[in-house]
């Protein structure tokens, strides 16, 4: 499964900001709710926050991948938030996060779910590509860049 399969331009937030990582997560879940795949926004937010309290999903390198398996969604869904200033997300490298990928799926889809998380991490190891995404000015441009990168 590719990131472009579960992300849509309607779920890309340019200039994401917030006072805390939980405020940012709440904003992202609200945007994700625009999809018919989200049937319980409250449950989705609770599951994402529960997961975040176990251990930060800020994986380092300016990337965070908050995620949850929940019955609050009917299928895989993603939301991308971009912060040029950076968000304190308690990342493993203790640096601000600039790209946040909120990923959710219904429960019991472990192999595909873990594969998608791994694929996102691999895509954004390329610093030049990551900077192109951060500097992009439109969701359409971001979707095009991601699709092209996934074809490489």
N, C-alpha and C. Protein backbone atom coordinates (compact mmCIF):
# COMPACT_ATOMS: atom_id res chain seq x y z
N UNK A 1 0.84 -1.18 0.00
CA UNK A 1 0.00 0.00 0.00
C UNK A 1 0.88 1.24 0.00
N UNK A 2 0.51 2.21 -0.81
CA UNK A 2 1.26 3.46 -0.92
C UNK A 2 0.59 4.56 -0.09
N UNK A 3 1.38 5.54 0.31
CA UNK A 3 0.84 6.70 1.01
C UNK A 3 -0.21 7.39 0.14
N UNK A 4 0.06 7.49 -1.16
CA UNK A 4 -0.88 8.16 -2.06
C UNK A 4 -2.22 7.43 -2.17
N UNK A 5 -2.27 6.17 -1.75
CA UNK A 5 -3.53 5.41 -1.75
C UNK A 5 -4.46 5.84 -0.61
N UNK A 6 -3.90 6.38 0.45
CA UNK A 6 -4.71 6.69 1.63
C UNK A 6 -4.76 8.18 1.98
N UNK A 7 -3.94 8.97 1.30
CA UNK A 7 -3.90 10.42 1.53
C UNK A 7 -4.60 11.12 0.38
N UNK A 8 -5.34 12.16 0.67
CA UNK A 8 -6.01 12.97 -0.35
C UNK A 8 -5.68 14.43 -0.10
N UNK A 9 -5.74 15.23 -1.15
CA UNK A 9 -5.39 16.65 -1.01
C UNK A 9 -6.26 17.35 0.03
N UNK A 10 -7.49 16.86 0.23
CA UNK A 10 -8.39 17.46 1.22
C UNK A 10 -7.91 17.22 2.65
N UNK A 11 -7.00 16.29 2.81
CA UNK A 11 -6.50 15.97 4.15
C UNK A 11 -5.03 16.35 4.29
N UNK A 12 -4.64 17.43 3.62
CA UNK A 12 -3.28 17.98 3.77
C UNK A 12 -3.43 19.38 4.35
N UNK A 13 -2.79 19.59 5.49
CA UNK A 13 -2.85 20.87 6.18
C UNK A 13 -1.50 21.56 6.05
N UNK A 14 -1.48 22.65 5.30
CA UNK A 14 -0.26 23.44 5.17
C UNK A 14 -0.31 24.49 6.29
N UNK A 15 0.82 24.73 6.94
CA UNK A 15 0.91 25.68 8.05
C UNK A 15 0.16 25.21 9.29
N UNK A 16 0.31 23.93 9.61
CA UNK A 16 -0.27 23.37 10.82
C UNK A 16 0.44 23.98 12.03
N UNK A 17 -0.34 24.37 13.03
CA UNK A 17 0.27 24.91 14.25
C UNK A 17 -0.61 24.58 15.44
N UNK A 18 -0.03 24.74 16.62
CA UNK A 18 -0.77 24.48 17.85
C UNK A 18 0.15 24.65 19.04
N UNK A 19 -0.45 24.84 20.20
CA UNK A 19 0.33 25.05 21.42
C UNK A 19 0.88 23.75 22.00
N UNK A 20 0.26 22.64 21.65
CA UNK A 20 0.74 21.36 22.16
C UNK A 20 0.55 20.29 21.09
N UNK A 21 1.21 19.16 21.28
CA UNK A 21 1.04 18.09 20.29
C UNK A 21 -0.39 17.57 20.30
N UNK A 22 -1.06 17.63 21.44
CA UNK A 22 -2.44 17.15 21.51
C UNK A 22 -3.40 18.08 20.77
N UNK A 23 -3.13 19.38 20.83
CA UNK A 23 -3.94 20.34 20.07
C UNK A 23 -3.77 20.11 18.57
N UNK A 24 -2.55 19.85 18.16
CA UNK A 24 -2.26 19.56 16.75
C UNK A 24 -2.96 18.28 16.31
N UNK A 25 -2.90 17.25 17.15
CA UNK A 25 -3.57 15.99 16.81
C UNK A 25 -5.08 16.19 16.68
N UNK A 26 -5.65 17.00 17.54
CA UNK A 26 -7.09 17.27 17.47
C UNK A 26 -7.44 17.96 16.14
N UNK A 27 -6.61 18.92 15.72
CA UNK A 27 -6.85 19.59 14.44
C UNK A 27 -6.77 18.60 13.28
N UNK A 28 -5.80 17.70 13.35
CA UNK A 28 -5.64 16.73 12.27
C UNK A 28 -6.82 15.76 12.21
N UNK A 29 -7.30 15.32 13.36
CA UNK A 29 -8.45 14.41 13.39
C UNK A 29 -9.68 15.11 12.81
N UNK A 30 -9.86 16.39 13.12
CA UNK A 30 -11.00 17.13 12.56
C UNK A 30 -10.94 17.17 11.03
N UNK A 31 -9.75 17.36 10.48
CA UNK A 31 -9.60 17.36 9.03
C UNK A 31 -9.84 15.96 8.47
N UNK A 32 -9.37 14.95 9.17
CA UNK A 32 -9.56 13.57 8.74
C UNK A 32 -11.04 13.22 8.70
N UNK A 33 -11.82 13.82 9.58
CA UNK A 33 -13.26 13.57 9.67
C UNK A 33 -13.98 13.92 8.37
N UNK A 34 -13.35 14.70 7.50
CA UNK A 34 -13.99 15.04 6.23
C UNK A 34 -14.17 13.81 5.34
N UNK A 35 -13.50 12.71 5.67
CA UNK A 35 -13.65 11.48 4.90
C UNK A 35 -14.79 10.64 5.45
N UNK A 36 -15.50 9.98 4.55
CA UNK A 36 -16.57 9.08 4.96
C UNK A 36 -16.02 7.84 5.66
N UNK A 37 -14.71 7.63 5.58
CA UNK A 37 -14.09 6.47 6.25
C UNK A 37 -14.03 6.65 7.77
N UNK A 38 -14.16 7.89 8.23
CA UNK A 38 -14.13 8.16 9.67
C UNK A 38 -15.57 8.15 10.18
N UNK A 39 -15.87 7.17 11.04
CA UNK A 39 -17.24 7.05 11.55
C UNK A 39 -17.36 7.45 13.02
N UNK A 40 -16.21 7.59 13.70
CA UNK A 40 -16.24 8.00 15.11
C UNK A 40 -14.98 8.83 15.39
N UNK A 41 -15.15 10.13 15.22
CA UNK A 41 -14.04 11.08 15.39
C UNK A 41 -13.49 11.05 16.83
N UNK A 42 -14.38 10.95 17.80
CA UNK A 42 -13.97 10.94 19.21
C UNK A 42 -13.11 9.71 19.50
N UNK A 43 -13.53 8.54 19.04
CA UNK A 43 -12.76 7.33 19.26
C UNK A 43 -11.40 7.42 18.57
N UNK A 44 -11.38 7.93 17.36
CA UNK A 44 -10.11 8.09 16.63
C UNK A 44 -9.15 8.96 17.43
N UNK A 45 -9.61 10.11 17.89
CA UNK A 45 -8.75 11.01 18.66
C UNK A 45 -8.27 10.34 19.95
N UNK A 46 -9.17 9.66 20.65
CA UNK A 46 -8.77 8.96 21.89
C UNK A 46 -7.70 7.92 21.63
N UNK A 47 -7.85 7.15 20.56
CA UNK A 47 -6.87 6.09 20.25
C UNK A 47 -5.52 6.68 19.86
N UNK A 48 -5.53 7.77 19.10
CA UNK A 48 -4.27 8.42 18.70
C UNK A 48 -3.56 8.97 19.94
N UNK A 49 -4.30 9.59 20.83
CA UNK A 49 -3.70 10.14 22.05
C UNK A 49 -3.21 9.02 22.96
N UNK A 50 -4.00 7.94 23.10
CA UNK A 50 -3.55 6.79 23.91
C UNK A 50 -2.21 6.27 23.40
N UNK A 51 -2.10 6.12 22.07
CA UNK A 51 -0.87 5.61 21.47
C UNK A 51 0.29 6.57 21.73
N UNK A 52 0.01 7.85 21.63
CA UNK A 52 1.05 8.87 21.81
C UNK A 52 1.56 8.88 23.26
N UNK A 53 0.70 8.58 24.21
CA UNK A 53 1.09 8.55 25.62
C UNK A 53 1.99 7.37 25.94
N UNK A 54 1.89 6.29 25.17
CA UNK A 54 2.76 5.13 25.36
C UNK A 54 4.20 5.51 25.01
N UNK A 55 4.37 6.10 23.85
CA UNK A 55 5.68 6.56 23.38
C UNK A 55 5.45 7.51 22.22
N UNK A 56 6.23 8.59 22.18
CA UNK A 56 6.07 9.57 21.11
C UNK A 56 6.25 8.91 19.75
N UNK A 57 5.42 9.33 18.81
CA UNK A 57 5.55 8.85 17.43
C UNK A 57 6.40 9.81 16.60
N UNK A 58 7.05 10.75 17.27
CA UNK A 58 8.03 11.60 16.60
C UNK A 58 9.28 10.76 16.40
N UNK A 59 9.50 10.29 15.16
CA UNK A 59 10.55 9.31 14.90
C UNK A 59 11.92 9.93 14.68
N UNK A 60 11.97 11.27 14.67
CA UNK A 60 13.23 11.95 14.42
C UNK A 60 13.29 12.46 13.00
N UNK A 61 14.28 13.30 12.73
CA UNK A 61 14.43 13.85 11.39
C UNK A 61 13.30 14.77 10.98
N UNK A 62 12.59 15.33 11.97
CA UNK A 62 11.50 16.25 11.66
C UNK A 62 10.19 15.58 11.28
N UNK A 63 10.08 14.28 11.55
CA UNK A 63 8.89 13.52 11.14
C UNK A 63 8.19 12.92 12.34
N UNK A 64 6.87 12.98 12.31
CA UNK A 64 6.03 12.30 13.29
C UNK A 64 4.99 11.49 12.55
N UNK A 65 4.71 10.30 13.06
CA UNK A 65 3.71 9.44 12.44
C UNK A 65 2.72 8.96 13.51
N UNK A 66 1.89 9.88 14.03
CA UNK A 66 0.88 9.44 14.99
C UNK A 66 -0.07 8.47 14.29
N UNK A 67 -0.44 7.42 14.98
CA UNK A 67 -1.24 6.39 14.33
C UNK A 67 -2.10 5.64 15.34
N UNK A 68 -3.14 5.00 14.80
CA UNK A 68 -4.02 4.23 15.65
C UNK A 68 -4.76 3.19 14.82
N UNK A 69 -5.05 2.08 15.48
CA UNK A 69 -5.98 1.10 14.95
C UNK A 69 -7.25 1.26 15.77
N UNK A 70 -8.36 1.49 15.09
CA UNK A 70 -9.60 1.82 15.78
C UNK A 70 -10.82 1.41 14.98
N UNK A 71 -11.88 1.10 15.68
CA UNK A 71 -13.15 0.83 15.01
C UNK A 71 -13.84 2.14 14.61
N UNK A 72 -13.19 3.27 14.89
CA UNK A 72 -13.71 4.59 14.51
C UNK A 72 -13.51 4.90 13.04
N UNK A 73 -12.79 4.02 12.32
CA UNK A 73 -12.62 4.19 10.87
C UNK A 73 -12.98 2.87 10.19
N UNK A 74 -13.37 2.97 8.93
CA UNK A 74 -13.77 1.77 8.19
C UNK A 74 -12.66 1.22 7.31
N UNK A 75 -11.62 2.02 7.08
CA UNK A 75 -10.54 1.62 6.19
C UNK A 75 -9.33 2.51 6.48
N UNK A 76 -8.22 2.25 5.81
CA UNK A 76 -7.03 3.08 5.96
C UNK A 76 -7.33 4.52 5.57
N UNK A 77 -6.77 5.44 6.35
CA UNK A 77 -6.92 6.86 6.06
C UNK A 77 -5.70 7.59 6.59
N UNK A 78 -5.32 8.67 5.90
CA UNK A 78 -4.16 9.46 6.32
C UNK A 78 -4.48 10.95 6.22
N UNK A 79 -3.77 11.69 7.05
CA UNK A 79 -3.81 13.15 7.02
C UNK A 79 -2.37 13.61 7.18
N UNK A 80 -1.98 14.62 6.42
CA UNK A 80 -0.62 15.17 6.51
C UNK A 80 -0.70 16.60 7.00
N UNK A 81 0.05 16.90 8.05
CA UNK A 81 0.17 18.25 8.55
C UNK A 81 1.60 18.72 8.39
N UNK A 82 1.76 19.95 7.90
CA UNK A 82 3.09 20.51 7.65
C UNK A 82 3.26 21.76 8.50
N UNK A 83 4.37 21.81 9.23
CA UNK A 83 4.69 22.98 10.05
C UNK A 83 6.10 23.44 9.70
N UNK A 84 6.20 24.57 9.05
CA UNK A 84 7.53 25.08 8.69
C UNK A 84 8.32 25.49 9.93
N UNK A 85 7.62 25.99 10.96
CA UNK A 85 8.30 26.40 12.20
C UNK A 85 8.70 25.20 13.03
N UNK A 86 7.94 24.13 12.92
CA UNK A 86 8.20 22.95 13.73
C UNK A 86 7.32 22.91 14.97
N UNK A 87 6.99 21.70 15.39
CA UNK A 87 6.13 21.48 16.55
C UNK A 87 6.90 20.62 17.55
N UNK A 88 6.83 20.99 18.82
CA UNK A 88 7.44 20.17 19.87
C UNK A 88 6.58 18.93 20.02
N UNK A 89 7.11 17.80 19.59
CA UNK A 89 6.34 16.56 19.58
C UNK A 89 7.03 15.48 20.40
N UNK A 90 7.97 15.89 21.25
CA UNK A 90 8.73 14.93 22.05
C UNK A 90 9.36 13.86 21.17
N UNK A 91 9.92 14.28 20.05
CA UNK A 91 10.52 13.34 19.09
C UNK A 91 11.72 12.65 19.71
N UNK A 92 12.06 11.49 19.17
CA UNK A 92 13.18 10.71 19.68
C UNK A 92 14.48 11.49 19.65
N UNK A 93 14.67 12.34 18.63
CA UNK A 93 15.90 13.14 18.55
C UNK A 93 15.76 14.50 19.24
N UNK A 94 14.63 14.72 19.91
CA UNK A 94 14.33 15.94 20.68
C UNK A 94 14.29 17.19 19.82
N UNK A 95 14.11 17.04 18.51
CA UNK A 95 14.01 18.18 17.59
C UNK A 95 12.55 18.37 17.18
N UNK A 96 12.22 19.59 16.73
CA UNK A 96 10.84 19.85 16.30
C UNK A 96 10.44 18.97 15.10
N UNK A 97 9.15 18.72 15.02
CA UNK A 97 8.59 17.94 13.91
C UNK A 97 8.00 18.92 12.89
N UNK A 98 8.30 18.68 11.62
CA UNK A 98 7.79 19.52 10.54
C UNK A 98 6.75 18.81 9.69
N UNK A 99 6.82 17.49 9.64
CA UNK A 99 5.86 16.69 8.87
C UNK A 99 5.19 15.69 9.80
N UNK A 100 3.86 15.78 9.88
CA UNK A 100 3.10 14.85 10.71
C UNK A 100 2.14 14.06 9.83
N UNK A 101 2.27 12.76 9.88
CA UNK A 101 1.40 11.87 9.12
C UNK A 101 0.50 11.15 10.10
N UNK A 102 -0.76 11.52 10.14
CA UNK A 102 -1.73 10.81 10.97
C UNK A 102 -2.27 9.64 10.15
N UNK A 103 -2.08 8.44 10.65
CA UNK A 103 -2.52 7.23 9.96
C UNK A 103 -3.49 6.48 10.86
N UNK A 104 -4.61 6.06 10.30
CA UNK A 104 -5.56 5.27 11.07
C UNK A 104 -6.12 4.16 10.19
N UNK A 105 -6.46 3.07 10.84
CA UNK A 105 -7.11 1.96 10.17
C UNK A 105 -7.98 1.23 11.16
N UNK A 106 -8.88 0.43 10.60
CA UNK A 106 -9.70 -0.39 11.48
C UNK A 106 -8.79 -1.43 12.13
N UNK A 107 -9.25 -2.01 13.17
CA UNK A 107 -8.43 -2.97 13.91
C UNK A 107 -8.17 -4.25 13.11
N UNK A 108 -7.11 -4.93 13.49
CA UNK A 108 -6.71 -6.22 12.91
C UNK A 108 -6.24 -6.15 11.46
N UNK A 109 -5.41 -5.18 11.16
CA UNK A 109 -4.81 -5.08 9.82
C UNK A 109 -3.30 -4.88 9.96
N UNK A 110 -2.70 -5.58 10.89
CA UNK A 110 -1.31 -5.34 11.30
C UNK A 110 -0.27 -5.30 10.18
N UNK A 111 -0.21 -6.31 9.32
CA UNK A 111 0.86 -6.36 8.33
C UNK A 111 0.82 -5.18 7.37
N UNK A 112 -0.35 -4.88 6.84
CA UNK A 112 -0.48 -3.75 5.90
C UNK A 112 -0.19 -2.45 6.63
N UNK A 113 -0.70 -2.33 7.83
CA UNK A 113 -0.56 -1.13 8.66
C UNK A 113 0.92 -0.85 8.95
N UNK A 114 1.62 -1.85 9.43
CA UNK A 114 3.05 -1.67 9.73
C UNK A 114 3.85 -1.40 8.46
N UNK A 115 3.46 -2.02 7.36
CA UNK A 115 4.12 -1.78 6.08
C UNK A 115 3.96 -0.34 5.64
N UNK A 116 2.78 0.23 5.83
CA UNK A 116 2.53 1.63 5.46
C UNK A 116 3.37 2.57 6.33
N UNK A 117 3.43 2.32 7.62
CA UNK A 117 4.25 3.15 8.51
C UNK A 117 5.71 3.11 8.08
N UNK A 118 6.19 1.93 7.76
CA UNK A 118 7.58 1.75 7.32
C UNK A 118 7.82 2.46 5.99
N UNK A 119 6.87 2.36 5.08
CA UNK A 119 7.01 3.00 3.77
C UNK A 119 7.12 4.52 3.92
N UNK A 120 6.32 5.11 4.79
CA UNK A 120 6.37 6.56 5.02
C UNK A 120 7.75 6.95 5.54
N UNK A 121 8.24 6.20 6.52
CA UNK A 121 9.57 6.50 7.08
C UNK A 121 10.64 6.43 6.00
N UNK A 122 10.57 5.43 5.12
CA UNK A 122 11.57 5.30 4.05
C UNK A 122 11.46 6.41 3.02
N UNK A 123 10.25 6.81 2.66
CA UNK A 123 10.06 7.89 1.68
C UNK A 123 10.73 9.18 2.13
N UNK A 124 10.60 9.47 3.42
CA UNK A 124 11.03 10.77 3.92
C UNK A 124 12.41 10.77 4.54
N UNK A 125 13.16 9.71 4.32
CA UNK A 125 14.57 9.68 4.71
C UNK A 125 15.37 10.59 3.76
N UNK A 126 14.85 10.80 2.56
CA UNK A 126 15.46 11.67 1.55
C UNK A 126 15.24 13.13 1.95
N UNK A 127 16.29 13.77 2.45
CA UNK A 127 16.19 15.13 2.98
C UNK A 127 15.73 16.14 1.92
N UNK A 128 16.21 16.03 0.70
CA UNK A 128 15.82 16.96 -0.37
C UNK A 128 14.31 16.83 -0.65
N UNK A 129 13.83 15.59 -0.69
CA UNK A 129 12.41 15.36 -0.92
C UNK A 129 11.58 15.94 0.24
N UNK A 130 12.04 15.69 1.45
CA UNK A 130 11.34 16.19 2.64
C UNK A 130 11.23 17.72 2.58
N UNK A 131 12.31 18.38 2.20
CA UNK A 131 12.29 19.84 2.12
C UNK A 131 11.35 20.34 1.02
N UNK A 132 11.26 19.63 -0.09
CA UNK A 132 10.31 20.01 -1.15
C UNK A 132 8.89 19.98 -0.61
N UNK A 133 8.58 18.95 0.16
CA UNK A 133 7.22 18.83 0.73
C UNK A 133 6.96 19.98 1.71
N UNK A 134 7.92 20.23 2.59
CA UNK A 134 7.76 21.29 3.60
C UNK A 134 7.57 22.65 2.93
N UNK A 135 8.26 22.89 1.83
CA UNK A 135 8.20 24.19 1.15
C UNK A 135 7.07 24.31 0.15
N UNK A 136 6.36 23.23 -0.10
CA UNK A 136 5.25 23.26 -1.07
C UNK A 136 4.15 24.20 -0.61
N UNK A 137 3.48 24.79 -1.60
CA UNK A 137 2.44 25.76 -1.29
C UNK A 137 1.03 25.27 -1.53
N UNK A 138 0.88 24.06 -2.05
CA UNK A 138 -0.48 23.58 -2.30
C UNK A 138 -0.58 22.07 -2.07
N UNK A 139 -1.74 21.62 -1.61
CA UNK A 139 -1.96 20.19 -1.44
C UNK A 139 -1.80 19.41 -2.75
N UNK A 140 -2.21 20.03 -3.85
CA UNK A 140 -2.08 19.37 -5.15
C UNK A 140 -0.62 19.09 -5.49
N UNK A 141 0.23 20.08 -5.23
CA UNK A 141 1.66 19.92 -5.49
C UNK A 141 2.24 18.81 -4.60
N UNK A 142 1.83 18.77 -3.37
CA UNK A 142 2.32 17.75 -2.43
C UNK A 142 1.89 16.35 -2.89
N UNK A 143 0.65 16.20 -3.31
CA UNK A 143 0.19 14.89 -3.79
C UNK A 143 0.98 14.47 -5.03
N UNK A 144 1.27 15.42 -5.93
CA UNK A 144 2.04 15.11 -7.13
C UNK A 144 3.44 14.65 -6.76
N UNK A 145 4.08 15.37 -5.84
CA UNK A 145 5.44 15.02 -5.42
C UNK A 145 5.48 13.63 -4.78
N UNK A 146 4.52 13.35 -3.92
CA UNK A 146 4.47 12.04 -3.25
C UNK A 146 4.25 10.93 -4.28
N UNK A 147 3.31 11.13 -5.18
CA UNK A 147 3.04 10.11 -6.21
C UNK A 147 4.27 9.85 -7.06
N UNK A 148 4.96 10.91 -7.46
CA UNK A 148 6.17 10.75 -8.27
C UNK A 148 7.25 10.00 -7.50
N UNK A 149 7.43 10.34 -6.24
CA UNK A 149 8.46 9.69 -5.42
C UNK A 149 8.14 8.21 -5.23
N UNK A 150 6.87 7.89 -5.07
CA UNK A 150 6.48 6.50 -4.89
C UNK A 150 6.70 5.67 -6.16
N UNK A 151 6.73 6.33 -7.29
CA UNK A 151 6.96 5.61 -8.56
C UNK A 151 8.45 5.31 -8.79
N UNK A 152 9.32 6.05 -8.11
CA UNK A 152 10.77 5.83 -8.27
C UNK A 152 11.18 4.45 -7.86
